[in-house]
N, C-alpha and C. Protein backbone atom coordinates (compact mmCIF):
# COMPACT_ATOMS: atom_id res chain seq x y z
N MET A 1 0.83 -1.18 0.00
CA MET A 1 0.00 0.00 0.00
C MET A 1 0.88 1.25 0.00
N SER A 2 0.54 2.22 -0.79
CA SER A 2 1.32 3.43 -0.93
C SER A 2 0.71 4.56 -0.10
N VAL A 3 1.55 5.29 0.60
CA VAL A 3 1.14 6.45 1.36
C VAL A 3 1.41 7.68 0.50
N ARG A 4 0.40 8.49 0.26
CA ARG A 4 0.58 9.70 -0.56
C ARG A 4 1.09 10.83 0.32
N VAL A 5 2.23 11.37 -0.07
CA VAL A 5 2.83 12.47 0.67
C VAL A 5 3.34 13.52 -0.30
N SER A 6 3.44 14.76 0.16
CA SER A 6 3.90 15.82 -0.72
C SER A 6 5.42 15.86 -0.82
N ALA A 7 6.12 15.47 0.27
CA ALA A 7 7.58 15.51 0.25
C ALA A 7 8.15 14.40 1.11
N ALA A 8 9.32 13.91 0.71
CA ALA A 8 10.04 12.88 1.47
C ALA A 8 11.53 13.09 1.28
N VAL A 9 12.28 12.86 2.35
CA VAL A 9 13.74 12.92 2.27
C VAL A 9 14.21 11.52 1.88
N ILE A 10 15.02 11.45 0.84
CA ILE A 10 15.46 10.15 0.31
C ILE A 10 16.93 9.91 0.68
N ASP A 11 17.19 8.70 1.12
CA ASP A 11 18.49 8.27 1.61
C ASP A 11 19.29 7.60 0.49
N THR A 12 20.49 7.20 0.80
CA THR A 12 21.42 6.60 -0.15
C THR A 12 20.87 5.33 -0.80
N GLY A 13 20.36 4.40 -0.01
CA GLY A 13 19.94 3.10 -0.53
C GLY A 13 18.99 3.16 -1.70
N PRO A 14 17.86 3.87 -1.57
CA PRO A 14 16.93 3.94 -2.70
C PRO A 14 17.50 4.66 -3.92
N LEU A 15 18.30 5.71 -3.67
CA LEU A 15 18.90 6.41 -4.81
C LEU A 15 19.86 5.50 -5.55
N TYR A 16 20.67 4.77 -4.82
CA TYR A 16 21.57 3.81 -5.46
C TYR A 16 20.77 2.76 -6.22
N ALA A 17 19.73 2.24 -5.59
CA ALA A 17 18.92 1.18 -6.20
C ALA A 17 18.27 1.62 -7.51
N LEU A 18 17.95 2.89 -7.64
CA LEU A 18 17.36 3.37 -8.89
C LEU A 18 18.28 3.15 -10.08
N PHE A 19 19.59 3.17 -9.83
CA PHE A 19 20.56 3.08 -10.92
C PHE A 19 21.27 1.73 -11.00
N ASP A 20 20.91 0.81 -10.14
CA ASP A 20 21.47 -0.55 -10.17
C ASP A 20 20.32 -1.54 -10.25
N SER A 21 20.04 -2.01 -11.44
CA SER A 21 18.90 -2.90 -11.65
C SER A 21 19.04 -4.24 -10.93
N LYS A 22 20.25 -4.57 -10.48
CA LYS A 22 20.46 -5.83 -9.76
C LYS A 22 20.32 -5.67 -8.25
N ASP A 23 20.17 -4.44 -7.78
CA ASP A 23 20.01 -4.20 -6.35
C ASP A 23 18.64 -4.72 -5.91
N ARG A 24 18.59 -5.32 -4.72
CA ARG A 24 17.34 -5.93 -4.25
C ARG A 24 16.24 -4.91 -4.00
N TRP A 25 16.57 -3.62 -3.88
CA TRP A 25 15.58 -2.57 -3.64
C TRP A 25 15.18 -1.86 -4.93
N HIS A 26 15.75 -2.25 -6.06
CA HIS A 26 15.50 -1.57 -7.32
C HIS A 26 14.00 -1.56 -7.68
N LYS A 27 13.38 -2.71 -7.73
CA LYS A 27 11.97 -2.79 -8.14
C LYS A 27 11.05 -2.08 -7.16
N LYS A 28 11.30 -2.28 -5.88
CA LYS A 28 10.43 -1.66 -4.86
C LYS A 28 10.54 -0.13 -4.92
N THR A 29 11.75 0.39 -5.09
CA THR A 29 11.94 1.83 -5.18
C THR A 29 11.26 2.39 -6.42
N HIS A 30 11.47 1.74 -7.56
CA HIS A 30 10.83 2.19 -8.80
C HIS A 30 9.31 2.14 -8.67
N ALA A 31 8.79 1.09 -8.08
CA ALA A 31 7.34 0.96 -7.92
C ALA A 31 6.79 2.08 -7.04
N TRP A 32 7.48 2.37 -5.93
CA TRP A 32 7.00 3.43 -5.04
C TRP A 32 7.00 4.77 -5.77
N LEU A 33 8.07 5.06 -6.49
CA LEU A 33 8.15 6.33 -7.21
C LEU A 33 7.10 6.42 -8.31
N ALA A 34 6.83 5.32 -8.99
CA ALA A 34 5.80 5.31 -10.03
C ALA A 34 4.41 5.57 -9.45
N GLN A 35 4.17 5.08 -8.24
CA GLN A 35 2.88 5.28 -7.58
C GLN A 35 2.76 6.65 -6.93
N ASN A 36 3.87 7.35 -6.80
CA ASN A 36 3.89 8.65 -6.11
C ASN A 36 4.66 9.69 -6.92
N PRO A 37 4.26 9.94 -8.16
CA PRO A 37 5.04 10.81 -9.03
C PRO A 37 5.07 12.28 -8.60
N LYS A 38 4.14 12.68 -7.77
CA LYS A 38 4.10 14.08 -7.34
C LYS A 38 4.84 14.34 -6.04
N THR A 39 5.37 13.31 -5.42
CA THR A 39 6.12 13.49 -4.18
C THR A 39 7.45 14.17 -4.49
N GLN A 40 7.70 15.27 -3.81
CA GLN A 40 8.98 15.96 -3.96
C GLN A 40 10.03 15.19 -3.18
N LEU A 41 11.06 14.75 -3.87
CA LEU A 41 12.17 14.05 -3.23
C LEU A 41 13.25 15.06 -2.86
N ILE A 42 13.67 15.00 -1.62
CA ILE A 42 14.70 15.90 -1.11
C ILE A 42 15.84 15.04 -0.57
N THR A 43 17.06 15.46 -0.81
CA THR A 43 18.20 14.76 -0.24
C THR A 43 19.29 15.75 0.14
N THR A 44 20.37 15.22 0.67
CA THR A 44 21.46 16.07 1.14
C THR A 44 22.72 15.83 0.31
N TRP A 45 23.66 16.76 0.42
CA TRP A 45 24.92 16.59 -0.29
C TRP A 45 25.69 15.37 0.19
N MET A 46 25.57 15.04 1.48
CA MET A 46 26.27 13.87 2.00
C MET A 46 25.75 12.59 1.33
N VAL A 47 24.44 12.53 1.16
CA VAL A 47 23.84 11.37 0.49
C VAL A 47 24.28 11.33 -0.97
N LEU A 48 24.26 12.46 -1.65
CA LEU A 48 24.67 12.49 -3.05
C LEU A 48 26.10 12.02 -3.23
N ALA A 49 26.98 12.45 -2.35
CA ALA A 49 28.38 12.02 -2.43
C ALA A 49 28.50 10.52 -2.24
N GLU A 50 27.75 9.98 -1.28
CA GLU A 50 27.81 8.55 -1.01
C GLU A 50 27.27 7.75 -2.20
N VAL A 51 26.17 8.18 -2.78
CA VAL A 51 25.59 7.48 -3.93
C VAL A 51 26.54 7.52 -5.12
N GLY A 52 27.08 8.69 -5.41
CA GLY A 52 28.02 8.82 -6.52
C GLY A 52 29.22 7.91 -6.36
N HIS A 53 29.75 7.86 -5.16
CA HIS A 53 30.89 6.98 -4.88
C HIS A 53 30.52 5.51 -5.08
N LEU A 54 29.39 5.10 -4.51
CA LEU A 54 28.98 3.69 -4.63
C LEU A 54 28.72 3.30 -6.08
N LEU A 55 28.07 4.17 -6.83
CA LEU A 55 27.79 3.85 -8.24
C LEU A 55 29.08 3.70 -9.04
N SER A 56 30.03 4.61 -8.83
CA SER A 56 31.28 4.52 -9.60
C SER A 56 32.12 3.32 -9.18
N GLN A 57 32.07 2.95 -7.89
CA GLN A 57 32.87 1.82 -7.41
C GLN A 57 32.22 0.47 -7.69
N ARG A 58 30.92 0.35 -7.48
CA ARG A 58 30.24 -0.94 -7.63
C ARG A 58 29.80 -1.22 -9.05
N LEU A 59 29.48 -0.18 -9.81
CA LEU A 59 29.04 -0.37 -11.19
C LEU A 59 30.09 0.17 -12.14
N HIS A 60 29.98 1.45 -12.47
CA HIS A 60 30.96 2.09 -13.36
C HIS A 60 30.75 3.60 -13.32
N ASN A 61 31.71 4.33 -13.85
CA ASN A 61 31.63 5.79 -13.83
C ASN A 61 30.39 6.31 -14.56
N GLN A 62 29.97 5.62 -15.62
CA GLN A 62 28.80 6.09 -16.37
C GLN A 62 27.55 6.08 -15.50
N ALA A 63 27.44 5.12 -14.60
CA ALA A 63 26.28 5.08 -13.69
C ALA A 63 26.28 6.33 -12.80
N ALA A 64 27.44 6.74 -12.34
CA ALA A 64 27.54 7.95 -11.52
C ALA A 64 27.20 9.19 -12.35
N LEU A 65 27.63 9.21 -13.59
CA LEU A 65 27.30 10.33 -14.48
C LEU A 65 25.80 10.37 -14.79
N ASP A 66 25.21 9.20 -15.00
CA ASP A 66 23.76 9.13 -15.22
C ASP A 66 23.00 9.66 -14.01
N PHE A 67 23.49 9.33 -12.82
CA PHE A 67 22.89 9.81 -11.58
C PHE A 67 22.95 11.34 -11.52
N LEU A 68 24.11 11.91 -11.80
CA LEU A 68 24.26 13.37 -11.78
C LEU A 68 23.36 14.04 -12.81
N THR A 69 23.23 13.44 -13.97
CA THR A 69 22.35 13.99 -15.01
C THR A 69 20.90 13.95 -14.54
N TRP A 70 20.50 12.87 -13.90
CA TRP A 70 19.15 12.74 -13.37
C TRP A 70 18.87 13.83 -12.33
N ILE A 71 19.85 14.09 -11.47
CA ILE A 71 19.70 15.16 -10.47
C ILE A 71 19.55 16.50 -11.17
N GLN A 72 20.41 16.75 -12.16
CA GLN A 72 20.38 18.02 -12.88
C GLN A 72 19.03 18.25 -13.56
N ARG A 73 18.39 17.18 -13.98
CA ARG A 73 17.08 17.27 -14.64
C ARG A 73 15.91 17.37 -13.65
N GLY A 74 16.22 17.42 -12.37
CA GLY A 74 15.18 17.61 -11.37
C GLY A 74 14.69 16.35 -10.70
N GLY A 75 15.42 15.27 -10.79
CA GLY A 75 15.01 14.01 -10.17
C GLY A 75 14.89 14.10 -8.66
N VAL A 76 15.66 14.99 -8.06
CA VAL A 76 15.65 15.16 -6.61
C VAL A 76 16.06 16.60 -6.30
N SER A 77 15.50 17.15 -5.23
CA SER A 77 15.91 18.48 -4.76
C SER A 77 17.02 18.30 -3.75
N ILE A 78 18.02 19.17 -3.84
CA ILE A 78 19.14 19.11 -2.92
C ILE A 78 18.92 20.16 -1.82
N ASP A 79 18.87 19.69 -0.60
CA ASP A 79 18.73 20.57 0.54
C ASP A 79 20.03 21.33 0.73
N THR A 80 19.95 22.65 0.77
CA THR A 80 21.15 23.47 0.93
C THR A 80 20.96 24.46 2.08
N PRO A 81 21.00 23.97 3.30
CA PRO A 81 20.83 24.84 4.46
C PRO A 81 22.11 25.59 4.79
N GLU A 82 21.99 26.48 5.77
CA GLU A 82 23.17 27.17 6.26
C GLU A 82 24.13 26.14 6.86
N GLN A 83 25.38 26.20 6.47
CA GLN A 83 26.37 25.19 6.84
C GLN A 83 26.52 24.99 8.35
N ASN A 84 26.74 26.05 9.10
CA ASN A 84 27.00 25.89 10.53
C ASN A 84 25.80 25.34 11.28
N LEU A 85 24.62 25.79 10.94
CA LEU A 85 23.42 25.30 11.60
C LEU A 85 23.27 23.80 11.37
N THR A 86 23.46 23.36 10.14
CA THR A 86 23.34 21.96 9.81
C THR A 86 24.41 21.13 10.51
N LEU A 87 25.64 21.57 10.49
CA LEU A 87 26.72 20.83 11.13
C LEU A 87 26.46 20.69 12.63
N ASP A 88 25.99 21.75 13.26
CA ASP A 88 25.66 21.68 14.69
C ASP A 88 24.59 20.63 14.95
N HIS A 89 23.56 20.62 14.12
CA HIS A 89 22.46 19.66 14.31
C HIS A 89 22.89 18.24 13.99
N ILE A 90 23.73 18.08 12.97
CA ILE A 90 24.23 16.74 12.64
C ILE A 90 25.12 16.21 13.77
N LEU A 91 25.96 17.07 14.30
CA LEU A 91 26.80 16.67 15.43
C LEU A 91 25.93 16.29 16.63
N ALA A 92 24.91 17.06 16.90
CA ALA A 92 24.00 16.75 18.01
C ALA A 92 23.29 15.41 17.76
N THR A 93 22.87 15.16 16.53
CA THR A 93 22.22 13.89 16.19
C THR A 93 23.18 12.73 16.37
N CYS A 94 24.39 12.88 15.86
CA CYS A 94 25.40 11.82 15.99
C CYS A 94 25.72 11.54 17.45
N THR A 95 25.80 12.58 18.25
CA THR A 95 26.09 12.42 19.67
C THR A 95 24.93 11.73 20.39
N ARG A 96 23.73 12.18 20.10
CA ARG A 96 22.53 11.61 20.75
C ARG A 96 22.37 10.13 20.45
N TYR A 97 22.71 9.72 19.23
CA TYR A 97 22.53 8.33 18.81
C TYR A 97 23.86 7.62 18.61
N ALA A 98 24.85 7.96 19.41
CA ALA A 98 26.20 7.42 19.25
C ALA A 98 26.27 5.90 19.43
N ASP A 99 25.30 5.31 20.10
CA ASP A 99 25.32 3.86 20.33
C ASP A 99 24.69 3.08 19.17
N LEU A 100 24.24 3.77 18.13
CA LEU A 100 23.63 3.12 16.96
C LEU A 100 24.57 3.18 15.77
N PRO A 101 24.43 2.21 14.86
CA PRO A 101 25.21 2.31 13.62
C PRO A 101 24.65 3.45 12.77
N MET A 102 25.47 4.46 12.54
CA MET A 102 25.01 5.63 11.81
C MET A 102 26.21 6.28 11.13
N ASP A 103 26.04 6.67 9.89
CA ASP A 103 27.09 7.41 9.22
C ASP A 103 26.64 8.84 8.99
N LEU A 104 27.49 9.63 8.39
CA LEU A 104 27.19 11.04 8.18
C LEU A 104 25.97 11.23 7.28
N ALA A 105 25.83 10.40 6.27
CA ALA A 105 24.67 10.51 5.38
C ALA A 105 23.38 10.24 6.15
N ASP A 106 23.36 9.21 6.99
CA ASP A 106 22.18 8.92 7.81
C ASP A 106 21.82 10.11 8.70
N ALA A 107 22.82 10.65 9.36
CA ALA A 107 22.58 11.79 10.24
C ALA A 107 22.07 13.00 9.46
N SER A 108 22.57 13.18 8.24
CA SER A 108 22.11 14.32 7.43
C SER A 108 20.66 14.14 7.00
N VAL A 109 20.24 12.91 6.74
CA VAL A 109 18.84 12.64 6.40
C VAL A 109 17.94 12.97 7.58
N ALA A 110 18.31 12.48 8.76
CA ALA A 110 17.52 12.74 9.96
C ALA A 110 17.47 14.24 10.26
N GLU A 111 18.60 14.91 10.13
CA GLU A 111 18.66 16.34 10.41
C GLU A 111 17.81 17.12 9.42
N ALA A 112 17.93 16.82 8.13
CA ALA A 112 17.16 17.55 7.12
C ALA A 112 15.66 17.33 7.31
N ALA A 113 15.25 16.10 7.55
CA ALA A 113 13.83 15.82 7.75
C ALA A 113 13.29 16.61 8.94
N THR A 114 14.04 16.62 10.02
CA THR A 114 13.61 17.36 11.22
C THR A 114 13.55 18.86 10.96
N ARG A 115 14.62 19.40 10.39
CA ARG A 115 14.68 20.85 10.14
C ARG A 115 13.62 21.32 9.16
N LEU A 116 13.36 20.51 8.13
CA LEU A 116 12.38 20.88 7.10
C LEU A 116 10.94 20.55 7.50
N GLY A 117 10.78 19.81 8.60
CA GLY A 117 9.44 19.43 9.02
C GLY A 117 8.84 18.35 8.14
N VAL A 118 9.68 17.54 7.51
CA VAL A 118 9.24 16.45 6.64
C VAL A 118 9.25 15.17 7.48
N ARG A 119 8.12 14.53 7.62
CA ARG A 119 8.01 13.35 8.49
C ARG A 119 8.28 12.06 7.75
N HIS A 120 8.38 12.11 6.43
CA HIS A 120 8.51 10.90 5.62
C HIS A 120 9.90 10.81 5.00
N ILE A 121 10.44 9.59 5.01
CA ILE A 121 11.72 9.32 4.36
C ILE A 121 11.57 8.09 3.47
N LEU A 122 12.50 7.97 2.55
CA LEU A 122 12.64 6.75 1.74
C LEU A 122 14.03 6.22 2.06
N SER A 123 14.08 5.05 2.66
CA SER A 123 15.35 4.47 3.06
C SER A 123 15.25 2.95 3.06
N VAL A 124 16.36 2.31 2.82
CA VAL A 124 16.43 0.85 2.97
C VAL A 124 16.93 0.49 4.36
N ASP A 125 17.25 1.51 5.15
CA ASP A 125 17.80 1.34 6.49
C ASP A 125 16.69 1.50 7.53
N PRO A 126 16.26 0.42 8.16
CA PRO A 126 15.17 0.53 9.14
C PRO A 126 15.57 1.31 10.40
N ASP A 127 16.86 1.50 10.64
CA ASP A 127 17.31 2.22 11.83
C ASP A 127 16.95 3.70 11.81
N LEU A 128 16.72 4.27 10.63
CA LEU A 128 16.43 5.70 10.57
C LEU A 128 15.11 6.07 11.25
N THR A 129 14.23 5.12 11.43
CA THR A 129 12.96 5.43 12.11
C THR A 129 13.15 5.60 13.62
N ILE A 130 14.32 5.28 14.12
CA ILE A 130 14.62 5.44 15.55
C ILE A 130 14.80 6.92 15.90
N PHE A 131 15.26 7.72 14.94
CA PHE A 131 15.51 9.13 15.20
C PHE A 131 14.23 9.85 15.58
N ARG A 132 14.32 10.79 16.50
CA ARG A 132 13.19 11.57 16.97
C ARG A 132 13.48 13.05 16.83
N ASP A 133 12.44 13.81 16.49
CA ASP A 133 12.61 15.26 16.44
C ASP A 133 12.45 15.84 17.85
N ALA A 134 12.48 17.15 17.96
CA ALA A 134 12.41 17.80 19.28
C ALA A 134 11.10 17.50 20.00
N LYS A 135 10.06 17.14 19.25
CA LYS A 135 8.75 16.83 19.85
C LYS A 135 8.59 15.33 20.10
N GLY A 136 9.66 14.56 19.85
CA GLY A 136 9.61 13.11 20.11
C GLY A 136 8.98 12.29 19.00
N ARG A 137 8.72 12.91 17.85
CA ARG A 137 8.11 12.20 16.73
C ARG A 137 9.17 11.51 15.89
N GLY A 138 8.87 10.28 15.48
CA GLY A 138 9.78 9.54 14.64
C GLY A 138 9.54 9.81 13.16
N LEU A 139 10.43 9.30 12.34
CA LEU A 139 10.30 9.41 10.90
C LEU A 139 9.50 8.22 10.37
N ASN A 140 8.73 8.44 9.33
CA ASN A 140 7.95 7.38 8.70
C ASN A 140 8.69 6.92 7.44
N ASN A 141 9.26 5.73 7.47
CA ASN A 141 9.98 5.19 6.32
C ASN A 141 8.99 4.57 5.36
N LEU A 142 8.83 5.17 4.21
CA LEU A 142 7.83 4.75 3.24
C LEU A 142 8.20 3.47 2.49
N LEU A 143 9.45 3.02 2.59
CA LEU A 143 9.86 1.80 1.90
C LEU A 143 9.83 0.57 2.82
N ASN A 144 9.69 0.75 4.09
CA ASN A 144 9.66 -0.39 5.02
C ASN A 144 8.27 -0.61 5.59
C-alpha cells in the first residue's frame, strides 16, 4: 500500500537502487516512485556524495554520471541549508545516537527531515525510524 505524501527525504539506498537494476531494492523503489510521481524528493549533499561513490565503485563511472544527469534534470531536490546550523544539528544527532550504527549521510537525512518538518523518508535502512525530532516524533519510512 502506498502512502501519498507531498515531500520525502530520500536516503542513499533507494537512490543507489534506482541506478542498479540488480540491487534488491530496485523494483520496490521504482514501484514506489511510479505510484507517487508528485512526491517531492529531497536529499542532502552527504547522500549524493555517497551514492556517486557507490555507483562509480560498484558499477561504473557512467552510472555515476547518469545519476548526476538525473539530479540536474530535477530528479531530486538538494537541501542546501546554512552550513554551521546543519553541522551543529548533525553533530547533536550523531552524539545523541552514538550507540547506533550511523554514518554522516544517515545523520544528514535525519537532520534535514527534522529541520524541514518532513516526516517521511525513503530508506532501505530501518534504523532511521529510531531518530526523533524535538517533539519526540519519529520518521515514517515509506519503503519499510
